[in-house]
């Protein structure tokens, strides 16, 4: 898979980072997918990593179990929210393209990903 970065402009003239992914499928055709939420996902993941590291320090310091569990729950919820952003972005861009191209494999992969995500 090849990645390309490009910037666009929002209605308020702020530059927006878009990630384009070129997918080559076994059946011979390619898709270029634009991901508009890459920067937001990366920012949220950076915060998640920091939060998880602080939970680790809590455990190392022997902090109260209920405090640790509360923070683990917060990390879990934040991670699920990142997944929702990725899923929404995927559906708004990649899957729309797949439907237009009648790419049943992409739709099957989406179904499989949703099944795993909602577990």
PDB file of N, CA and C in Angstrom:
ATOM      1  N   UNK A   1       0.842  -1.171   0.000  1.00  0.00           N
ATOM      2  CA  UNK A   1       0.000   0.000   0.000  1.00  0.00           C
ATOM      3  C   UNK A   1       0.888   1.234   0.000  1.00  0.00           C
ATOM      4  N   UNK A   2       0.582   2.157  -0.856  1.00  0.00           N
ATOM      5  CA  UNK A   2       1.342   3.399  -0.980  1.00  0.00           C
ATOM      6  C   UNK A   2       0.581   4.517  -0.293  1.00  0.00           C
ATOM      7  N   UNK A   3       1.301   5.398   0.436  1.00  0.00           N
ATOM      8  CA  UNK A   3       0.671   6.520   1.116  1.00  0.00           C
ATOM      9  C   UNK A   3       1.130   7.812   0.492  1.00  0.00           C
ATOM     10  N   UNK A   4       0.200   8.734   0.346  1.00  0.00           N
ATOM     11  CA  UNK A   4       0.516  10.071  -0.120  1.00  0.00           C
ATOM     12  C   UNK A   4      -0.180  11.047   0.806  1.00  0.00           C
ATOM     13  N   UNK A   5       0.463  12.163   1.091  1.00  0.00           N
ATOM     14  CA  UNK A   5      -0.162  13.197   1.902  1.00  0.00           C
ATOM     15  C   UNK A   5      -0.455  14.392   1.021  1.00  0.00           C
ATOM     16  N   UNK A   6      -1.600  15.003   1.256  1.00  0.00           N
ATOM     17  CA  UNK A   6      -1.923  16.234   0.566  1.00  0.00           C
ATOM     18  C   UNK A   6      -2.705  17.112   1.521  1.00  0.00           C
ATOM     19  N   UNK A   7      -2.714  18.372   1.262  1.00  0.00           N
ATOM     20  CA  UNK A   7      -3.491  19.262   2.104  1.00  0.00           C
ATOM     21  C   UNK A   7      -4.631  19.816   1.303  1.00  0.00           C
ATOM     22  N   UNK A   8      -5.710  20.048   1.989  1.00  0.00           N
ATOM     23  CA  UNK A   8      -6.892  20.675   1.406  1.00  0.00           C
ATOM     24  C   UNK A   8      -7.187  21.917   2.213  1.00  0.00           C
ATOM     25  N   UNK A   9      -8.249  22.576   1.876  1.00  0.00           N
ATOM     26  CA  UNK A   9      -8.625  23.772   2.616  1.00  0.00           C
ATOM     27  C   UNK A   9     -10.071  23.630   3.033  1.00  0.00           C
ATOM     28  N   UNK A  10     -10.325  23.837   4.315  1.00  0.00           N
ATOM     29  CA  UNK A  10     -11.685  23.830   4.827  1.00  0.00           C
ATOM     30  C   UNK A  10     -12.362  25.124   4.436  1.00  0.00           C
ATOM     31  N   UNK A  11     -13.648  25.188   4.696  1.00  0.00           N
ATOM     32  CA  UNK A  11     -14.411  26.383   4.411  1.00  0.00           C
ATOM     33  C   UNK A  11     -13.858  27.617   5.101  1.00  0.00           C
ATOM     34  N   UNK A  12     -13.218  27.437   6.262  1.00  0.00           N
ATOM     35  CA  UNK A  12     -12.653  28.580   6.971  1.00  0.00           C
ATOM     36  C   UNK A  12     -11.200  28.841   6.588  1.00  0.00           C
ATOM     37  N   UNK A  13     -10.741  28.231   5.507  1.00  0.00           N
ATOM     38  CA  UNK A  13      -9.410  28.433   4.923  1.00  0.00           C
ATOM     39  C   UNK A  13      -8.276  27.856   5.763  1.00  0.00           C
ATOM     40  N   UNK A  14      -8.573  27.005   6.748  1.00  0.00           N
ATOM     41  CA  UNK A  14      -7.518  26.321   7.487  1.00  0.00           C
ATOM     42  C   UNK A  14      -7.070  25.104   6.694  1.00  0.00           C
ATOM     43  N   UNK A  15      -5.752  24.875   6.574  1.00  0.00           N
ATOM     44  CA  UNK A  15      -5.307  23.683   5.849  1.00  0.00           C
ATOM     45  C   UNK A  15      -5.700  22.419   6.608  1.00  0.00           C
ATOM     46  N   UNK A  16      -6.047  21.398   5.869  1.00  0.00           N
ATOM     47  CA  UNK A  16      -6.449  20.125   6.446  1.00  0.00           C
ATOM     48  C   UNK A  16      -5.544  19.048   5.862  1.00  0.00           C
ATOM     49  N   UNK A  17      -4.988  18.202   6.722  1.00  0.00           N
ATOM     50  CA  UNK A  17      -4.147  17.108   6.264  1.00  0.00           C
ATOM     51  C   UNK A  17      -5.032  15.949   5.832  1.00  0.00           C
ATOM     52  N   UNK A  18      -4.845  15.484   4.615  1.00  0.00           N
ATOM     53  CA  UNK A  18      -5.565  14.317   4.109  1.00  0.00           C
ATOM     54  C   UNK A  18      -4.529  13.255   3.787  1.00  0.00           C
ATOM     55  N   UNK A  19      -4.829  12.034   4.109  1.00  0.00           N
ATOM     56  CA  UNK A  19      -3.965  10.917   3.791  1.00  0.00           C
ATOM     57  C   UNK A  19      -4.633  10.140   2.683  1.00  0.00           C
ATOM     58  N   UNK A  20      -3.930   9.931   1.598  1.00  0.00           N
ATOM     59  CA  UNK A  20      -4.446   9.107   0.514  1.00  0.00           C
ATOM     60  C   UNK A  20      -3.741   7.765   0.556  1.00  0.00           C
ATOM     61  N   UNK A  21      -4.504   6.715   0.456  1.00  0.00           N
ATOM     62  CA  UNK A  21      -3.965   5.365   0.438  1.00  0.00           C
ATOM     63  C   UNK A  21      -4.339   4.738  -0.891  1.00  0.00           C
ATOM     64  N   UNK A  22      -3.365   4.215  -1.580  1.00  0.00           N
ATOM     65  CA  UNK A  22      -3.621   3.520  -2.832  1.00  0.00           C
ATOM     66  C   UNK A  22      -3.605   2.032  -2.534  1.00  0.00           C
ATOM     67  N   UNK A  23      -4.717   1.375  -2.786  1.00  0.00           N
ATOM     68  CA  UNK A  23      -4.837  -0.053  -2.540  1.00  0.00           C
ATOM     69  C   UNK A  23      -4.882  -0.773  -3.878  1.00  0.00           C
ATOM     70  N   UNK A  24      -4.028  -1.768  -4.053  1.00  0.00           N
ATOM     71  CA  UNK A  24      -4.067  -2.610  -5.244  1.00  0.00           C
ATOM     72  C   UNK A  24      -4.636  -3.949  -4.803  1.00  0.00           C
ATOM     73  N   UNK A  25      -5.718  -4.359  -5.426  1.00  0.00           N
ATOM     74  CA  UNK A  25      -6.394  -5.589  -5.045  1.00  0.00           C
ATOM     75  C   UNK A  25      -6.010  -6.723  -5.981  1.00  0.00           C
ATOM     76  N   UNK A  26      -6.191  -7.939  -5.489  1.00  0.00           N
ATOM     77  CA  UNK A  26      -5.824  -9.123  -6.253  1.00  0.00           C
ATOM     78  C   UNK A  26      -6.566  -9.195  -7.591  1.00  0.00           C
ATOM     79  N   UNK A  27      -7.779  -8.649  -7.639  1.00  0.00           N
ATOM     80  CA  UNK A  27      -8.551  -8.738  -8.871  1.00  0.00           C
ATOM     81  C   UNK A  27      -8.184  -7.631  -9.856  1.00  0.00           C
ATOM     82  N   UNK A  28      -7.104  -6.890  -9.583  1.00  0.00           N
ATOM     83  CA  UNK A  28      -6.507  -6.049 -10.593  1.00  0.00           C
ATOM     84  C   UNK A  28      -6.806  -4.574 -10.580  1.00  0.00           C
ATOM     85  N   UNK A  29      -7.783  -4.098  -9.824  1.00  0.00           N
ATOM     86  CA  UNK A  29      -8.026  -2.661  -9.861  1.00  0.00           C
ATOM     87  C   UNK A  29      -7.533  -2.001  -8.578  1.00  0.00           C
ATOM     88  N   UNK A  30      -7.375  -0.695  -8.630  1.00  0.00           N
ATOM     89  CA  UNK A  30      -6.857   0.042  -7.486  1.00  0.00           C
ATOM     90  C   UNK A  30      -7.884   1.055  -7.017  1.00  0.00           C
ATOM     91  N   UNK A  31      -7.766   1.423  -5.760  1.00  0.00           N
ATOM     92  CA  UNK A  31      -8.608   2.458  -5.178  1.00  0.00           C
ATOM     93  C   UNK A  31      -7.698   3.476  -4.513  1.00  0.00           C
ATOM     94  N   UNK A  32      -8.044   4.736  -4.601  1.00  0.00           N
ATOM     95  CA  UNK A  32      -7.359   5.770  -3.844  1.00  0.00           C
ATOM     96  C   UNK A  32      -8.357   6.258  -2.807  1.00  0.00           C
ATOM     97  N   UNK A  33      -8.034   6.087  -1.549  1.00  0.00           N
ATOM     98  CA  UNK A  33      -8.920   6.473  -0.459  1.00  0.00           C
ATOM     99  C   UNK A  33      -8.341   7.687   0.255  1.00  0.00           C
ATOM    100  N   UNK A  34      -9.179   8.651   0.528  1.00  0.00           N
ATOM    101  CA  UNK A  34      -8.750   9.829   1.265  1.00  0.00           C
ATOM    102  C   UNK A  34      -9.254   9.720   2.695  1.00  0.00           C
ATOM    103  N   UNK A  35      -8.352   9.864   3.650  1.00  0.00           N
ATOM    104  CA  UNK A  35      -8.705   9.829   5.063  1.00  0.00           C
ATOM    105  C   UNK A  35      -8.581  11.245   5.611  1.00  0.00           C
ATOM    106  N   UNK A  36      -9.710  11.831   5.972  1.00  0.00           N
ATOM    107  CA  UNK A  36      -9.713  13.223   6.418  1.00  0.00           C
ATOM    108  C   UNK A  36      -9.430  13.368   7.900  1.00  0.00           C
ATOM    109  N   UNK A  37      -9.464  12.280   8.648  1.00  0.00           N
ATOM    110  CA  UNK A  37      -9.321  12.358  10.101  1.00  0.00           C
ATOM    111  C   UNK A  37      -7.970  11.870  10.617  1.00  0.00           C
ATOM    112  N   UNK A  38      -6.990  11.734   9.748  1.00  0.00           N
ATOM    113  CA  UNK A  38      -5.693  11.193  10.155  1.00  0.00           C
ATOM    114  C   UNK A  38      -5.072  11.997  11.290  1.00  0.00           C
ATOM    115  N   UNK A  39      -5.045  13.303  11.159  1.00  0.00           N
ATOM    116  CA  UNK A  39      -4.427  14.138  12.194  1.00  0.00           C
ATOM    117  C   UNK A  39      -5.169  14.009  13.518  1.00  0.00           C
ATOM    118  N   UNK A  40      -6.486  14.013  13.482  1.00  0.00           N
ATOM    119  CA  UNK A  40      -7.281  13.874  14.707  1.00  0.00           C
ATOM    120  C   UNK A  40      -7.029  12.522  15.366  1.00  0.00           C
ATOM    121  N   UNK A  41      -6.955  11.468  14.565  1.00  0.00           N
ATOM    122  CA  UNK A  41      -6.700  10.127  15.108  1.00  0.00           C
ATOM    123  C   UNK A  41      -5.317  10.071  15.752  1.00  0.00           C
ATOM    124  N   UNK A  42      -4.309  10.598  15.066  1.00  0.00           N
ATOM    125  CA  UNK A  42      -2.948  10.574  15.616  1.00  0.00           C
ATOM    126  C   UNK A  42      -2.850  11.395  16.900  1.00  0.00           C
ATOM    127  N   UNK A  43      -3.514  12.540  16.953  1.00  0.00           N
ATOM    128  CA  UNK A  43      -3.509  13.349  18.176  1.00  0.00           C
ATOM    129  C   UNK A  43      -4.168  12.609  19.328  1.00  0.00           C
ATOM    130  N   UNK A  44      -5.312  11.996  19.072  1.00  0.00           N
ATOM    131  CA  UNK A  44      -5.998  11.238  20.119  1.00  0.00           C
ATOM    132  C   UNK A  44      -5.161  10.045  20.585  1.00  0.00           C
ATOM    133  N   UNK A  45      -4.494   9.392  19.639  1.00  0.00           N
ATOM    134  CA  UNK A  45      -3.664   8.245  20.021  1.00  0.00           C
ATOM    135  C   UNK A  45      -2.480   8.685  20.867  1.00  0.00           C
ATOM    136  N   UNK A  46      -1.897   9.822  20.559  1.00  0.00           N
ATOM    137  CA  UNK A  46      -0.790  10.338  21.372  1.00  0.00           C
ATOM    138  C   UNK A  46      -1.260  10.602  22.803  1.00  0.00           C
ATOM    139  N   UNK A  47      -2.441  11.190  22.952  1.00  0.00           N
ATOM    140  CA  UNK A  47      -2.991  11.416  24.292  1.00  0.00           C
ATOM    141  C   UNK A  47      -3.273  10.107  24.995  1.00  0.00           C
ATOM    142  N   UNK A  48      -3.793   9.120  24.242  1.00  0.00           N
ATOM    143  CA  UNK A  48      -4.069   7.807  24.815  1.00  0.00           C
ATOM    144  C   UNK A  48      -2.805   7.139  25.338  1.00  0.00           C
ATOM    145  N   UNK A  49      -1.747   7.232  24.562  1.00  0.00           N
ATOM    146  CA  UNK A  49      -0.475   6.638  24.981  1.00  0.00           C
ATOM    147  C   UNK A  49       0.006   7.288  26.274  1.00  0.00           C
ATOM    148  N   UNK A  50      -0.088   8.599  26.347  1.00  0.00           N
ATOM    149  CA  UNK A  50       0.291   9.301  27.569  1.00  0.00           C
ATOM    150  C   UNK A  50      -0.568   8.899  28.748  1.00  0.00           C
ATOM    151  N   UNK A  51      -1.868   8.776  28.520  1.00  0.00           N
ATOM    152  CA  UNK A  51      -2.779   8.369  29.583  1.00  0.00           C
ATOM    153  C   UNK A  51      -2.453   6.956  30.066  1.00  0.00           C
ATOM    154  N   UNK A  52      -2.202   6.058  29.128  1.00  0.00           N
ATOM    155  CA  UNK A  52      -1.876   4.680  29.488  1.00  0.00           C
ATOM    156  C   UNK A  52      -0.560   4.606  30.263  1.00  0.00           C
ATOM    157  N   UNK A  53       0.413   5.425  29.881  1.00  0.00           N
ATOM    158  CA  UNK A  53       1.675   5.464  30.626  1.00  0.00           C
ATOM    159  C   UNK A  53       1.451   5.958  32.050  1.00  0.00           C
ATOM    160  N   UNK A  54       0.538   6.912  32.232  1.00  0.00           N
ATOM    161  CA  UNK A  54       0.272   7.386  33.592  1.00  0.00           C
ATOM    162  C   UNK A  54      -0.447   6.315  34.413  1.00  0.00           C
ATOM    163  N   UNK A  55      -1.280   5.504  33.767  1.00  0.00           N
ATOM    164  CA  UNK A  55      -1.923   4.393  34.470  1.00  0.00           C
ATOM    165  C   UNK A  55      -0.863   3.376  34.889  1.00  0.00           C
ATOM    166  N   UNK A  56       0.091   3.135  34.027  1.00  0.00           N
ATOM    167  CA  UNK A  56       1.184   2.222  34.373  1.00  0.00           C
ATOM    168  C   UNK A  56       1.939   2.734  35.605  1.00  0.00           C
ATOM    169  N   UNK A  57       2.216   4.046  35.629  1.00  0.00           N
ATOM    170  CA  UNK A  57       2.894   4.625  36.791  1.00  0.00           C
ATOM    171  C   UNK A  57       2.051   4.465  38.053  1.00  0.00           C
ATOM    172  N   UNK A  58       0.742   4.602  37.917  1.00  0.00           N
ATOM    173  CA  UNK A  58      -0.151   4.410  39.064  1.00  0.00           C
ATOM    174  C   UNK A  58       0.010   3.004  39.634  1.00  0.00           C
ATOM    175  N   UNK A  59       0.070   2.014  38.747  1.00  0.00           N
ATOM    176  CA  UNK A  59       0.241   0.626  39.184  1.00  0.00           C
ATOM    177  C   UNK A  59       1.600   0.457  39.845  1.00  0.00           C
ATOM    178  N   UNK A  60       2.653   1.004  39.226  1.00  0.00           N
ATOM    179  CA  UNK A  60       4.001   0.895  39.786  1.00  0.00           C
ATOM    180  C   UNK A  60       4.088   1.537  41.173  1.00  0.00           C
ATOM    181  N   UNK A  61       3.337   2.613  41.372  1.00  0.00           N
ATOM    182  CA  UNK A  61       3.356   3.320  42.654  1.00  0.00           C
ATOM    183  C   UNK A  61       2.428   2.697  43.691  1.00  0.00           C
ATOM    184  N   UNK A  62       1.687   1.655  43.280  1.00  0.00           N
ATOM    185  CA  UNK A  62       0.804   0.976  44.220  1.00  0.00           C
ATOM    186  C   UNK A  62      -0.455   1.770  44.544  1.00  0.00           C
ATOM    187  N   UNK A  63      -0.926   2.571  43.613  1.00  0.00           N
ATOM    188  CA  UNK A  63      -2.114   3.387  43.847  1.00  0.00           C
ATOM    189  C   UNK A  63      -3.338   2.501  44.054  1.00  0.00           C
ATOM    190  N   UNK A  64      -4.362   3.079  44.618  1.00  0.00           N
ATOM    191  CA  UNK A  64      -5.604   2.387  44.924  1.00  0.00           C
ATOM    192  C   UNK A  64      -6.179   1.719  43.668  1.00  0.00           C
ATOM    193  N   UNK A  65      -6.586   0.466  43.822  1.00  0.00           N
ATOM    194  CA  UNK A  65      -7.098  -0.313  42.682  1.00  0.00           C
ATOM    195  C   UNK A  65      -8.300   0.358  42.027  1.00  0.00           C
ATOM    196  N   UNK A  66      -9.178   0.936  42.816  1.00  0.00           N
ATOM    197  CA  UNK A  66     -10.365   1.566  42.230  1.00  0.00           C
ATOM    198  C   UNK A  66      -9.979   2.767  41.372  1.00  0.00           C
ATOM    199  N   UNK A  67      -8.954   3.510  41.763  1.00  0.00           N
ATOM    200  CA  UNK A  67      -8.465   4.631  40.951  1.00  0.00           C
ATOM    201  C   UNK A  67      -7.881   4.120  39.638  1.00  0.00           C
ATOM    202  N   UNK A  68      -7.099   3.046  39.720  1.00  0.00           N
ATOM    203  CA  UNK A  68      -6.486   2.462  38.526  1.00  0.00           C
ATOM    204  C   UNK A  68      -7.573   1.959  37.573  1.00  0.00           C
ATOM    205  N   UNK A  69      -8.556   1.248  38.131  1.00  0.00           N
ATOM    206  CA  UNK A  69      -9.633   0.722  37.293  1.00  0.00           C
ATOM    207  C   UNK A  69     -10.421   1.836  36.621  1.00  0.00           C
ATOM    208  N   UNK A  70     -10.645   2.927  37.325  1.00  0.00           N
ATOM    209  CA  UNK A  70     -11.346   4.073  36.743  1.00  0.00           C
ATOM    210  C   UNK A  70     -10.565   4.632  35.554  1.00  0.00           C
ATOM    211  N   UNK A  71      -9.249   4.742  35.701  1.00  0.00           N
ATOM    212  CA  UNK A  71      -8.418   5.260  34.615  1.00  0.00           C
ATOM    213  C   UNK A  71      -8.329   4.286  33.446  1.00  0.00           C
ATOM    214  N   UNK A  72      -8.308   2.996  33.748  1.00  0.00           N
ATOM    215  CA  UNK A  72      -8.321   1.982  32.684  1.00  0.00           C
ATOM    216  C   UNK A  72      -9.628   2.086  31.896  1.00  0.00           C
ATOM    217  N   UNK A  73     -10.721   2.305  32.598  1.00  0.00           N
ATOM    218  CA  UNK A  73     -12.006   2.485  31.928  1.00  0.00           C
ATOM    219  C   UNK A  73     -11.990   3.707  31.021  1.00  0.00           C
ATOM    220  N   UNK A  74     -11.359   4.787  31.464  1.00  0.00           N
ATOM    221  CA  UNK A  74     -11.259   6.007  30.651  1.00  0.00           C
ATOM    222  C   UNK A  74     -10.413   5.758  29.405  1.00  0.00           C
ATOM    223  N   UNK A  75      -9.319   5.029  29.550  1.00  0.00           N
ATOM    224  CA  UNK A  75      -8.464   4.693  28.399  1.00  0.00           C
ATOM    225  C   UNK A  75      -9.242   3.828  27.409  1.00  0.00           C
ATOM    226  N   UNK A  76      -9.965   2.851  27.928  1.00  0.00           N
ATOM    227  CA  UNK A  76     -10.757   1.963  27.083  1.00  0.00           C
ATOM    228  C   UNK A  76     -11.802   2.760  26.287  1.00  0.00           C
ATOM    229  N   UNK A  77     -12.504   3.663  26.933  1.00  0.00           N
ATOM    230  CA  UNK A  77     -13.517   4.483  26.255  1.00  0.00           C
ATOM    231  C   UNK A  77     -12.879   5.372  25.195  1.00  0.00           C
ATOM    232  N   UNK A  78     -11.737   5.954  25.515  1.00  0.00           N
ATOM    233  CA  UNK A  78     -11.049   6.824  24.556  1.00  0.00           C
ATOM    234  C   UNK A  78     -10.579   6.025  23.346  1.00  0.00           C
ATOM    235  N   UNK A  79     -10.081   4.818  23.556  1.00  0.00           N
ATOM    236  CA  UNK A  79      -9.637   3.971  22.459  1.00  0.00           C
ATOM    237  C   UNK A  79     -10.821   3.592  21.558  1.00  0.00           C
ATOM    238  N   UNK A  80     -11.953   3.277  22.164  1.00  0.00           N
ATOM    239  CA  UNK A  80     -13.144   2.961  21.374  1.00  0.00           C
ATOM    240  C   UNK A  80     -13.581   4.165  20.553  1.00  0.00           C
ATOM    241  N   UNK A  81     -13.448   5.356  21.108  1.00  0.00           N
ATOM    242  CA  UNK A  81     -13.812   6.558  20.359  1.00  0.00           C
ATOM    243  C   UNK A  81     -12.892   6.778  19.162  1.00  0.00           C
ATOM    244  N   UNK A  82     -11.610   6.469  19.307  1.00  0.00           N
ATOM    245  CA  UNK A  82     -10.686   6.544  18.166  1.00  0.00           C
ATOM    246  C   UNK A  82     -11.128   5.563  17.088  1.00  0.00           C
ATOM    247  N   UNK A  83     -11.494   4.369  17.493  1.00  0.00           N
ATOM    248  CA  UNK A  83     -11.981   3.378  16.543  1.00  0.00           C
ATOM    249  C   UNK A  83     -13.220   3.857  15.810  1.00  0.00           C
ATOM    250  N   UNK A  84     -14.112   4.537  16.513  1.00  0.00           N
ATOM    251  CA  UNK A  84     -15.325   5.070  15.879  1.00  0.00           C
ATOM    252  C   UNK A  84     -14.982   6.130  14.836  1.00  0.00           C
ATOM    253  N   UNK A  85     -14.000   6.962  15.135  1.00  0.00           N
ATOM    254  CA  UNK A  85     -13.583   7.996  14.174  1.00  0.00           C
ATOM    255  C   UNK A  85     -13.022   7.335  12.915  1.00  0.00           C
ATOM    256  N   UNK A  86     -12.179   6.339  13.110  1.00  0.00           N
ATOM    257  CA  UNK A  86     -11.589   5.627  11.971  1.00  0.00           C
ATOM    258  C   UNK A  86     -12.687   4.932  11.161  1.00  0.00           C
ATOM    259  N   UNK A  87     -13.616   4.280  11.836  1.00  0.00           N
ATOM    260  CA  UNK A  87     -14.697   3.586  11.151  1.00  0.00           C
ATOM    261  C   UNK A  87     -15.571   4.558  10.355  1.00  0.00           C
ATOM    262  N   UNK A  88     -15.918   5.672  10.961  1.00  0.00           N
ATOM    263  CA  UNK A  88     -16.743   6.671  10.276  1.00  0.00           C
ATOM    264  C   UNK A  88     -16.021   7.211   9.043  1.00  0.00           C
ATOM    265  N   UNK A  89     -14.744   7.557   9.207  1.00  0.00           N
ATOM    266  CA  UNK A  89     -13.953   8.068   8.093  1.00  0.00           C
ATOM    267  C   UNK A  89     -13.875   7.023   6.975  1.00  0.00           C
ATOM    268  N   UNK A  90     -13.677   5.782   7.359  1.00  0.00           N
ATOM    269  CA  UNK A  90     -13.593   4.686   6.390  1.00  0.00           C
ATOM    270  C   UNK A  90     -14.901   4.551   5.616  1.00  0.00           C
ATOM    271  N   UNK A  91     -16.013   4.617   6.332  1.00  0.00           N
ATOM    272  CA  UNK A  91     -17.309   4.479   5.675  1.00  0.00           C
ATOM    273  C   UNK A  91     -17.606   5.675   4.764  1.00  0.00           C
ATOM    274  N   UNK A  92     -17.233   6.872   5.191  1.00  0.00           N
ATOM    275  CA  UNK A  92     -17.533   8.068   4.407  1.00  0.00           C
ATOM    276  C   UNK A  92     -16.691   8.180   3.143  1.00  0.00           C
ATOM    277  N   UNK A  93     -15.530   7.541   3.136  1.00  0.00           N
ATOM    278  CA  UNK A  93     -14.636   7.694   1.996  1.00  0.00           C
ATOM    279  C   UNK A  93     -14.370   6.366   1.303  1.00  0.00           C
ATOM    280  N   UNK A  94     -13.731   5.456   1.971  1.00  0.00           N
ATOM    281  CA  UNK A  94     -13.309   4.203   1.348  1.00  0.00           C
ATOM    282  C   UNK A  94     -14.487   3.360   0.896  1.00  0.00           C
ATOM    283  N   UNK A  95     -15.483   3.229   1.747  1.00  0.00           N
ATOM    284  CA  UNK A  95     -16.608   2.364   1.405  1.00  0.00           C
ATOM    285  C   UNK A  95     -17.478   2.994   0.329  1.00  0.00           C
ATOM    286  N   UNK A  96     -17.618   4.305   0.359  1.00  0.00           N
ATOM    287  CA  UNK A  96     -18.343   4.976  -0.722  1.00  0.00           C
ATOM    288  C   UNK A  96     -17.671   4.661  -2.060  1.00  0.00           C
ATOM    289  N   UNK A  97     -16.353   4.760  -2.092  1.00  0.00           N
ATOM    290  CA  UNK A  97     -15.609   4.425  -3.317  1.00  0.00           C
ATOM    291  C   UNK A  97     -15.812   2.957  -3.696  1.00  0.00           C
ATOM    292  N   UNK A  98     -15.775   2.079  -2.699  1.00  0.00           N
ATOM    293  CA  UNK A  98     -15.928   0.647  -2.971  1.00  0.00           C
ATOM    294  C   UNK A  98     -17.312   0.341  -3.543  1.00  0.00           C
ATOM    295  N   UNK A  99     -18.339   0.982  -3.013  1.00  0.00           N
ATOM    296  CA  UNK A  99     -19.688   0.768  -3.526  1.00  0.00           C
ATOM    297  C   UNK A  99     -19.784   1.257  -4.973  1.00  0.00           C
ATOM    298  N   UNK A 100     -19.216   2.435  -5.231  1.00  0.00           N
ATOM    299  CA  UNK A 100     -19.242   2.975  -6.592  1.00  0.00           C
ATOM    300  C   UNK A 100     -18.511   2.060  -7.575  1.00  0.00           C
ATOM    301  N   UNK A 101     -17.450   1.400  -7.085  1.00  0.00           N
ATOM    302  CA  UNK A 101     -16.664   0.504  -7.936  1.00  0.00           C
ATOM    303  C   UNK A 101     -17.143  -0.947  -7.868  1.00  0.00           C
ATOM    304  N   UNK A 102     -18.228  -1.189  -7.116  1.00  0.00           N
ATOM    305  CA  UNK A 102     -18.761  -2.535  -6.936  1.00  0.00           C
ATOM    306  C   UNK A 102     -17.705  -3.492  -6.380  1.00  0.00           C
ATOM    307  N   UNK A 103     -16.933  -3.012  -5.417  1.00  0.00           N
ATOM    308  CA  UNK A 103     -15.858  -3.799  -4.799  1.00  0.00           C
ATOM    309  C   UNK A 103     -16.423  -4.571  -3.605  1.00  0.00           C
ATOM    310  N   UNK A 104     -16.887  -5.765  -3.872  1.00  0.00           N
ATOM    311  CA  UNK A 104     -17.510  -6.588  -2.824  1.00  0.00           C
ATOM    312  C   UNK A 104     -16.499  -7.044  -1.771  1.00  0.00           C
ATOM    313  N   UNK A 105     -15.242  -7.176  -2.169  1.00  0.00           N
ATOM    314  CA  UNK A 105     -14.201  -7.565  -1.200  1.00  0.00           C
ATOM    315  C   UNK A 105     -14.040  -6.506  -0.122  1.00  0.00           C
ATOM    316  N   UNK A 106     -14.053  -5.239  -0.511  1.00  0.00           N
ATOM    317  CA  UNK A 106     -13.929  -4.154   0.459  1.00  0.00           C
ATOM    318  C   UNK A 106     -15.107  -4.151   1.413  1.00  0.00           C
ATOM    319  N   UNK A 107     -16.296  -4.430   0.893  1.00  0.00           N
ATOM    320  CA  UNK A 107     -17.481  -4.480   1.749  1.00  0.00           C
ATOM    321  C   UNK A 107     -17.404  -5.657   2.717  1.00  0.00           C
ATOM    322  N   UNK A 108     -16.880  -6.775   2.258  1.00  0.00           N
ATOM    323  CA  UNK A 108     -16.713  -7.943   3.132  1.00  0.00           C
ATOM    324  C   UNK A 108     -15.688  -7.655   4.222  1.00  0.00           C
ATOM    325  N   UNK A 109     -14.600  -6.958   3.858  1.00  0.00           N
ATOM    326  CA  UNK A 109     -13.590  -6.590   4.862  1.00  0.00           C
ATOM    327  C   UNK A 109     -14.178  -5.632   5.890  1.00  0.00           C
ATOM    328  N   UNK A 110     -15.034  -4.706   5.447  1.00  0.00           N
ATOM    329  CA  UNK A 110     -15.689  -3.795   6.381  1.00  0.00           C
ATOM    330  C   UNK A 110     -16.563  -4.568   7.354  1.00  0.00           C
ATOM    331  N   UNK A 111     -17.331  -5.493   6.841  1.00  0.00           N
ATOM    332  CA  UNK A 111     -18.199  -6.297   7.703  1.00  0.00           C
ATOM    333  C   UNK A 111     -17.377  -7.058   8.746  1.00  0.00           C
ATOM    334  N   UNK A 112     -16.266  -7.630   8.318  1.00  0.00           N
ATOM    335  CA  UNK A 112     -15.384  -8.362   9.233  1.00  0.00           C
ATOM    336  C   UNK A 112     -14.798  -7.418  10.286  1.00  0.00           C
ATOM    337  N   UNK A 113     -14.381  -6.229   9.866  1.00  0.00           N
ATOM    338  CA  UNK A 113     -13.809  -5.253  10.798  1.00  0.00           C
ATOM    339  C   UNK A 113     -14.846  -4.802  11.819  1.00  0.00           C
ATOM    340  N   UNK A 114     -16.078  -4.567  11.372  1.00  0.00           N
ATOM    341  CA  UNK A 114     -17.142  -4.160  12.300  1.00  0.00           C
ATOM    342  C   UNK A 114     -17.415  -5.267  13.309  1.00  0.00           C
ATOM    343  N   UNK A 115     -17.462  -6.502  12.849  1.00  0.00           N
ATOM    344  CA  UNK A 115     -17.680  -7.637  13.775  1.00  0.00           C
ATOM    345  C   UNK A 115     -16.617  -7.675  14.858  1.00  0.00           C
ATOM    346  N   UNK A 116     -15.370  -7.442  14.485  1.00  0.00           N
ATOM    347  CA  UNK A 116     -14.279  -7.461  15.470  1.00  0.00           C
ATOM    348  C   UNK A 116     -14.332  -6.239  16.368  1.00  0.00           C
ATOM    349  N   UNK A 117     -14.693  -5.084  15.806  1.00  0.00           N
ATOM    350  CA  UNK A 117     -14.706  -3.833  16.549  1.00  0.00           C
ATOM    351  C   UNK A 117     -15.775  -3.825  17.648  1.00  0.00           C
ATOM    352  N   UNK A 118     -16.937  -4.405  17.376  1.00  0.00           N
ATOM    353  CA  UNK A 118     -18.030  -4.337  18.341  1.00  0.00           C
ATOM    354  C   UNK A 118     -17.975  -5.419  19.417  1.00  0.00           C
ATOM    355  N   UNK A 119     -17.006  -6.274  19.358  1.00  0.00           N
ATOM    356  CA  UNK A 119     -16.869  -7.324  20.392  1.00  0.00           C
ATOM    357  C   UNK A 119     -16.577  -6.719  21.730  1.00  0.00           C
TER     358      UNK A 119
END
